[in-house]
Amino acid sequence: MLVHVVMFRFADASDAAKAKLRLEELAGVVTEIRTMDCRLDELRTDVSWDLLMRTTHADESDLRAYQAHPSHKEFGAWVRPLLTDRAVVDYTG
């Protein structure tokens, strides 16, 4: 199983809640997502990220299919202008 973790930092932290809802909608649309967990930061420290998303996929091929899915591309086009930073970690778990 491949685990895909993304952390988002928004110019306006209130956009994180909207992004969380939109990401969670993807789990019902993209069959290559085995599981998804999205969490909003609660402490808002100077080093905090606003939103964390963790998905699992059968393998790298399924992750790539998820990333190429039209619904994911639509989310990316919507969220990209709202972000100040993004970090990704992919690992086998």
N, C-alpha and C. Protein backbone atom coordinates (compact mmCIF):
# COMPACT_ATOMS: atom_id res chain seq x y z
N MET A 1 0.84 -1.17 0.00
CA MET A 1 0.00 0.00 0.00
C MET A 1 0.89 1.24 0.00
N LEU A 2 0.48 2.24 -0.78
CA LEU A 2 1.20 3.50 -0.84
C LEU A 2 0.42 4.55 -0.06
N VAL A 3 1.12 5.26 0.81
CA VAL A 3 0.52 6.32 1.61
C VAL A 3 0.99 7.66 1.03
N HIS A 4 0.03 8.55 0.82
CA HIS A 4 0.28 9.87 0.23
C HIS A 4 -0.14 10.91 1.25
N VAL A 5 0.80 11.73 1.71
CA VAL A 5 0.53 12.75 2.72
C VAL A 5 0.83 14.12 2.11
N VAL A 6 -0.13 15.03 2.25
CA VAL A 6 0.04 16.38 1.74
C VAL A 6 -0.30 17.36 2.86
N MET A 7 0.56 18.36 3.06
CA MET A 7 0.28 19.44 4.00
C MET A 7 0.13 20.72 3.19
N PHE A 8 -0.89 21.48 3.55
CA PHE A 8 -1.22 22.72 2.85
C PHE A 8 -1.10 23.90 3.81
N ARG A 9 -0.55 25.00 3.29
CA ARG A 9 -0.53 26.26 4.02
C ARG A 9 -1.22 27.30 3.13
N PHE A 10 -2.23 27.93 3.68
CA PHE A 10 -3.06 28.86 2.92
C PHE A 10 -2.72 30.31 3.25
N ALA A 11 -2.90 31.20 2.28
CA ALA A 11 -2.75 32.63 2.54
C ALA A 11 -3.78 33.08 3.56
N ASP A 12 -4.99 32.55 3.45
CA ASP A 12 -6.06 32.81 4.40
C ASP A 12 -6.43 31.46 5.02
N ALA A 13 -6.09 31.26 6.27
CA ALA A 13 -6.28 29.96 6.93
C ALA A 13 -7.73 29.49 6.90
N SER A 14 -8.68 30.41 6.77
CA SER A 14 -10.09 30.00 6.73
C SER A 14 -10.42 29.20 5.47
N ASP A 15 -9.59 29.30 4.44
CA ASP A 15 -9.80 28.51 3.23
C ASP A 15 -9.52 27.02 3.45
N ALA A 16 -8.82 26.69 4.51
CA ALA A 16 -8.49 25.29 4.79
C ALA A 16 -9.74 24.45 5.01
N ALA A 17 -10.73 24.99 5.68
CA ALA A 17 -11.96 24.23 5.94
C ALA A 17 -12.70 23.94 4.64
N LYS A 18 -12.73 24.89 3.73
CA LYS A 18 -13.36 24.67 2.42
C LYS A 18 -12.60 23.60 1.64
N ALA A 19 -11.27 23.67 1.69
CA ALA A 19 -10.45 22.70 0.98
C ALA A 19 -10.66 21.30 1.55
N LYS A 20 -10.78 21.20 2.86
CA LYS A 20 -11.01 19.91 3.51
C LYS A 20 -12.30 19.27 2.98
N LEU A 21 -13.36 20.04 2.91
CA LEU A 21 -14.64 19.53 2.40
C LEU A 21 -14.51 19.08 0.95
N ARG A 22 -13.84 19.87 0.15
CA ARG A 22 -13.67 19.51 -1.26
C ARG A 22 -12.81 18.26 -1.43
N LEU A 23 -11.78 18.12 -0.61
CA LEU A 23 -10.96 16.91 -0.67
C LEU A 23 -11.77 15.68 -0.27
N GLU A 24 -12.54 15.80 0.78
CA GLU A 24 -13.33 14.66 1.25
C GLU A 24 -14.34 14.22 0.21
N GLU A 25 -14.82 15.13 -0.62
CA GLU A 25 -15.71 14.76 -1.71
C GLU A 25 -15.01 13.86 -2.73
N LEU A 26 -13.71 14.07 -2.91
CA LEU A 26 -12.95 13.25 -3.87
C LEU A 26 -12.96 11.77 -3.49
N ALA A 27 -12.98 11.49 -2.20
CA ALA A 27 -12.94 10.09 -1.75
C ALA A 27 -14.13 9.30 -2.28
N GLY A 28 -15.26 9.95 -2.48
CA GLY A 28 -16.43 9.27 -3.01
C GLY A 28 -16.48 9.19 -4.52
N VAL A 29 -15.56 9.89 -5.18
CA VAL A 29 -15.58 9.98 -6.64
C VAL A 29 -14.42 9.21 -7.29
N VAL A 30 -13.26 9.24 -6.66
CA VAL A 30 -12.05 8.64 -7.24
C VAL A 30 -11.85 7.26 -6.64
N THR A 31 -12.07 6.24 -7.46
CA THR A 31 -12.04 4.85 -6.95
C THR A 31 -10.64 4.42 -6.51
N GLU A 32 -9.60 5.08 -6.99
CA GLU A 32 -8.23 4.71 -6.62
C GLU A 32 -7.85 5.16 -5.21
N ILE A 33 -8.71 5.92 -4.55
CA ILE A 33 -8.47 6.30 -3.16
C ILE A 33 -9.03 5.18 -2.28
N ARG A 34 -8.15 4.49 -1.57
CA ARG A 34 -8.61 3.46 -0.64
C ARG A 34 -9.17 4.08 0.63
N THR A 35 -8.39 4.98 1.22
CA THR A 35 -8.84 5.70 2.41
C THR A 35 -8.36 7.14 2.33
N MET A 36 -9.08 8.01 3.02
CA MET A 36 -8.67 9.42 3.10
C MET A 36 -8.96 9.93 4.49
N ASP A 37 -8.01 10.69 5.02
CA ASP A 37 -8.18 11.35 6.31
C ASP A 37 -7.68 12.78 6.15
N CYS A 38 -8.53 13.76 6.43
CA CYS A 38 -8.16 15.17 6.35
C CYS A 38 -8.31 15.79 7.73
N ARG A 39 -7.32 16.58 8.13
CA ARG A 39 -7.33 17.20 9.46
C ARG A 39 -6.94 18.67 9.35
N LEU A 40 -7.69 19.50 10.08
CA LEU A 40 -7.37 20.92 10.18
C LEU A 40 -6.48 21.14 11.40
N ASP A 41 -5.53 22.06 11.26
CA ASP A 41 -4.68 22.41 12.39
C ASP A 41 -5.51 23.11 13.46
N GLU A 42 -5.26 22.79 14.71
CA GLU A 42 -6.03 23.38 15.81
C GLU A 42 -5.25 24.41 16.61
N LEU A 43 -3.94 24.33 16.64
CA LEU A 43 -3.15 25.22 17.51
C LEU A 43 -2.68 26.49 16.82
N ARG A 44 -2.52 26.45 15.52
CA ARG A 44 -2.11 27.62 14.74
C ARG A 44 -0.85 28.29 15.28
N THR A 45 0.20 27.50 15.45
CA THR A 45 1.49 28.05 15.87
C THR A 45 2.22 28.63 14.65
N ASP A 46 3.35 29.25 14.89
CA ASP A 46 4.13 29.84 13.79
C ASP A 46 4.63 28.79 12.80
N VAL A 47 4.77 27.56 13.24
CA VAL A 47 5.29 26.51 12.35
C VAL A 47 4.20 25.55 11.86
N SER A 48 2.95 25.85 12.18
CA SER A 48 1.84 24.98 11.79
C SER A 48 1.53 25.08 10.30
N TRP A 49 1.02 23.98 9.78
CA TRP A 49 0.41 23.94 8.46
C TRP A 49 -1.10 23.95 8.72
N ASP A 50 -1.89 24.42 7.76
CA ASP A 50 -3.32 24.59 7.98
C ASP A 50 -4.13 23.31 7.80
N LEU A 51 -3.71 22.45 6.89
CA LEU A 51 -4.49 21.27 6.55
C LEU A 51 -3.55 20.12 6.22
N LEU A 52 -3.89 18.94 6.70
CA LEU A 52 -3.15 17.73 6.38
C LEU A 52 -4.12 16.75 5.74
N MET A 53 -3.70 16.16 4.63
CA MET A 53 -4.49 15.11 3.97
C MET A 53 -3.63 13.87 3.87
N ARG A 54 -4.22 12.73 4.20
CA ARG A 54 -3.52 11.44 4.10
C ARG A 54 -4.43 10.50 3.32
N THR A 55 -3.94 9.99 2.21
CA THR A 55 -4.69 9.00 1.44
C THR A 55 -3.87 7.73 1.33
N THR A 56 -4.55 6.63 1.11
CA THR A 56 -3.85 5.38 0.82
C THR A 56 -4.32 4.88 -0.54
N HIS A 57 -3.39 4.20 -1.22
CA HIS A 57 -3.62 3.70 -2.57
C HIS A 57 -2.99 2.32 -2.68
N ALA A 58 -3.51 1.51 -3.55
CA ALA A 58 -2.98 0.15 -3.71
C ALA A 58 -1.50 0.18 -4.08
N ASP A 59 -1.12 1.13 -4.93
CA ASP A 59 0.26 1.22 -5.40
C ASP A 59 0.48 2.56 -6.08
N GLU A 60 1.67 2.76 -6.61
CA GLU A 60 2.00 4.02 -7.26
C GLU A 60 1.10 4.28 -8.47
N SER A 61 0.74 3.24 -9.18
CA SER A 61 -0.14 3.38 -10.33
C SER A 61 -1.49 3.98 -9.93
N ASP A 62 -2.04 3.51 -8.83
CA ASP A 62 -3.31 4.06 -8.35
C ASP A 62 -3.15 5.51 -7.88
N LEU A 63 -2.02 5.84 -7.27
CA LEU A 63 -1.78 7.23 -6.88
C LEU A 63 -1.74 8.11 -8.13
N ARG A 64 -1.04 7.67 -9.15
CA ARG A 64 -0.95 8.44 -10.40
C ARG A 64 -2.32 8.59 -11.05
N ALA A 65 -3.14 7.53 -11.01
CA ALA A 65 -4.50 7.61 -11.56
C ALA A 65 -5.34 8.62 -10.79
N TYR A 66 -5.20 8.64 -9.47
CA TYR A 66 -5.88 9.63 -8.63
C TYR A 66 -5.45 11.04 -9.02
N GLN A 67 -4.16 11.24 -9.18
CA GLN A 67 -3.64 12.57 -9.51
C GLN A 67 -4.08 13.03 -10.90
N ALA A 68 -4.30 12.08 -11.80
CA ALA A 68 -4.73 12.41 -13.17
C ALA A 68 -6.25 12.52 -13.30
N HIS A 69 -6.97 12.13 -12.27
CA HIS A 69 -8.44 12.14 -12.33
C HIS A 69 -8.94 13.58 -12.53
N PRO A 70 -9.93 13.78 -13.40
CA PRO A 70 -10.44 15.14 -13.64
C PRO A 70 -10.92 15.86 -12.37
N SER A 71 -11.49 15.15 -11.43
CA SER A 71 -11.95 15.80 -10.19
C SER A 71 -10.77 16.29 -9.36
N HIS A 72 -9.68 15.53 -9.35
CA HIS A 72 -8.47 15.96 -8.63
C HIS A 72 -7.85 17.17 -9.32
N LYS A 73 -7.81 17.14 -10.65
CA LYS A 73 -7.26 18.27 -11.39
C LYS A 73 -8.09 19.53 -11.15
N GLU A 74 -9.41 19.38 -11.06
CA GLU A 74 -10.28 20.52 -10.78
C GLU A 74 -9.99 21.09 -9.39
N PHE A 75 -9.83 20.20 -8.41
CA PHE A 75 -9.48 20.64 -7.06
C PHE A 75 -8.15 21.40 -7.08
N GLY A 76 -7.16 20.85 -7.77
CA GLY A 76 -5.84 21.48 -7.84
C GLY A 76 -5.91 22.87 -8.44
N ALA A 77 -6.69 23.03 -9.50
CA ALA A 77 -6.82 24.34 -10.13
C ALA A 77 -7.48 25.34 -9.18
N TRP A 78 -8.42 24.85 -8.37
CA TRP A 78 -9.11 25.72 -7.41
C TRP A 78 -8.19 26.10 -6.25
N VAL A 79 -7.44 25.12 -5.70
CA VAL A 79 -6.69 25.35 -4.47
C VAL A 79 -5.35 26.05 -4.70
N ARG A 80 -4.71 25.81 -5.82
CA ARG A 80 -3.36 26.33 -6.04
C ARG A 80 -3.23 27.84 -5.79
N PRO A 81 -4.15 28.67 -6.29
CA PRO A 81 -4.00 30.11 -6.04
C PRO A 81 -4.19 30.52 -4.58
N LEU A 82 -4.78 29.65 -3.78
CA LEU A 82 -5.04 29.96 -2.37
C LEU A 82 -3.86 29.62 -1.47
N LEU A 83 -2.91 28.86 -1.98
CA LEU A 83 -1.81 28.33 -1.17
C LEU A 83 -0.60 29.24 -1.12
N THR A 84 0.07 29.19 0.01
CA THR A 84 1.39 29.81 0.11
C THR A 84 2.48 28.74 0.08
N ASP A 85 2.10 27.49 0.42
CA ASP A 85 3.07 26.40 0.42
C ASP A 85 2.35 25.06 0.46
N ARG A 86 3.07 24.04 0.03
CA ARG A 86 2.54 22.67 0.04
C ARG A 86 3.72 21.73 0.19
N ALA A 87 3.54 20.67 0.97
CA ALA A 87 4.58 19.66 1.15
C ALA A 87 3.96 18.28 0.97
N VAL A 88 4.72 17.36 0.40
CA VAL A 88 4.22 16.02 0.10
C VAL A 88 5.23 14.98 0.56
N VAL A 89 4.71 13.90 1.15
CA VAL A 89 5.53 12.73 1.48
C VAL A 89 4.74 11.51 1.00
N ASP A 90 5.40 10.63 0.25
CA ASP A 90 4.81 9.37 -0.21
C ASP A 90 5.67 8.24 0.33
N TYR A 91 5.03 7.22 0.89
CA TYR A 91 5.79 6.10 1.44
C TYR A 91 4.96 4.83 1.40
N THR A 92 5.66 3.71 1.42
CA THR A 92 5.00 2.41 1.46
C THR A 92 4.73 2.06 2.91
N GLY A 93 3.48 1.73 3.18
CA GLY A 93 3.11 1.43 4.56
C GLY A 93 2.32 0.16 4.71
